Amino acid sequence: MPNSRFIVPTAAADVSIPSGRFVLRVAVSVLLTTLNAGVIAVFGGTLYRATANHPLWFFGVSLLFAALLGSLARVWIITLRGRTQ
């Protein structure tokens, strides 16, 4: 009779458990997303009104918001790529 403690059910072997590093990256990404959304919600309208009549300032503030969203997208891309490693 074979030793039964070495038999692993196939359903249990197929389940992947996220690593601690991935869970931490997701938590940091959620935190950064929340903070960025708060910054945009609090300061977005004020900055728009302050720069509406100054095209160069408006362009600069738009670049800053684009950089903010671009860095947030990069954080999520790095986080989700780490899921498969």
Protein backbone atom coordinates (compact mmCIF):
# COMPACT_ATOMS: atom_id res chain seq x y z
CA MET A 1 0.00 0.00 0.00
CA PRO A 2 1.45 3.39 -0.96
CA ASN A 3 2.23 5.97 1.66
CA SER A 4 -0.84 8.25 1.63
CA ARG A 5 0.73 11.34 3.16
CA PHE A 6 2.65 12.03 -0.07
CA ILE A 7 -0.46 11.99 -2.25
CA VAL A 8 -1.49 15.53 -3.11
CA PRO A 9 -4.94 16.18 -4.54
CA THR A 10 -4.78 17.90 -7.92
CA ALA A 11 -7.19 20.65 -6.86
CA ALA A 12 -4.90 21.70 -4.02
CA ALA A 13 -1.83 21.63 -6.24
CA ASP A 14 -3.42 23.99 -8.82
CA VAL A 15 -4.26 26.77 -6.35
CA SER A 16 -1.75 29.57 -6.34
CA ILE A 17 -1.39 31.61 -3.17
CA PRO A 18 -0.21 35.19 -3.65
CA SER A 19 3.16 35.88 -2.09
CA GLY A 20 3.58 38.32 0.77
CA ARG A 21 5.50 40.69 -1.50
CA PHE A 22 2.60 40.79 -4.00
CA VAL A 23 0.09 41.50 -1.25
CA LEU A 24 2.30 44.30 0.05
CA ARG A 25 2.64 45.78 -3.45
CA VAL A 26 -1.14 45.73 -3.91
CA ALA A 27 -1.60 47.45 -0.55
CA VAL A 28 0.93 50.16 -1.48
CA SER A 29 -0.72 50.60 -4.90
CA VAL A 30 -4.15 51.01 -3.32
CA LEU A 31 -2.73 53.53 -0.84
CA LEU A 32 -1.07 55.55 -3.62
CA THR A 33 -4.24 55.45 -5.70
CA THR A 34 -6.26 56.76 -2.77
CA LEU A 35 -3.76 59.53 -2.05
CA ASN A 36 -3.58 60.58 -5.71
CA ALA A 37 -7.38 60.64 -5.99
CA GLY A 38 -7.50 62.83 -2.88
CA VAL A 39 -4.92 65.24 -4.28
CA ILE A 40 -6.81 65.52 -7.56
CA ALA A 41 -10.15 65.97 -5.80
CA VAL A 42 -8.87 68.61 -3.38
CA PHE A 43 -6.52 70.61 -5.57
CA GLY A 44 -7.69 69.92 -9.13
CA GLY A 45 -10.47 72.49 -9.24
CA THR A 46 -8.41 75.16 -7.52
CA LEU A 47 -5.47 74.69 -9.85
CA TYR A 48 -7.76 74.74 -12.87
CA ARG A 49 -9.36 78.01 -11.81
CA ALA A 50 -5.96 79.54 -10.98
CA THR A 51 -4.44 78.64 -14.35
CA ALA A 52 -7.44 78.97 -16.68
CA ASN A 53 -6.36 82.35 -18.05
CA HIS A 54 -2.64 81.51 -18.27
CA PRO A 55 -1.98 79.00 -21.08
CA LEU A 56 1.62 78.32 -20.06
CA TRP A 57 0.73 77.71 -16.41
CA PHE A 58 -2.20 75.56 -17.49
CA PHE A 59 0.12 73.49 -19.67
CA GLY A 60 2.55 73.07 -16.76
CA VAL A 61 -0.13 72.01 -14.31
CA SER A 62 -1.55 69.62 -16.90
CA LEU A 63 1.91 68.06 -17.27
CA LEU A 64 2.15 67.67 -13.50
CA PHE A 65 -1.21 65.87 -13.37
CA ALA A 66 -0.19 63.69 -16.32
CA ALA A 67 3.05 62.78 -14.51
CA LEU A 68 1.02 61.95 -11.39
CA LEU A 69 -1.29 59.65 -13.32
CA GLY A 70 1.58 58.17 -15.32
CA SER A 71 3.51 57.26 -12.18
CA LEU A 72 0.36 55.72 -10.73
CA ALA A 73 -0.12 53.63 -13.88
CA ARG A 74 3.52 52.51 -13.67
CA VAL A 75 3.06 51.41 -10.04
CA TRP A 76 0.04 49.29 -10.99
CA ILE A 77 1.79 47.79 -14.03
CA ILE A 78 4.78 46.77 -11.93
CA THR A 79 2.48 45.39 -9.24
CA LEU A 80 0.38 43.29 -11.60
CA ARG A 81 3.42 41.98 -13.50
CA GLY A 82 4.80 40.75 -10.18
CA ARG A 83 1.72 38.57 -9.72
CA THR A 84 2.92 36.03 -12.29
CA GLN A 85 6.49 35.79 -11.04
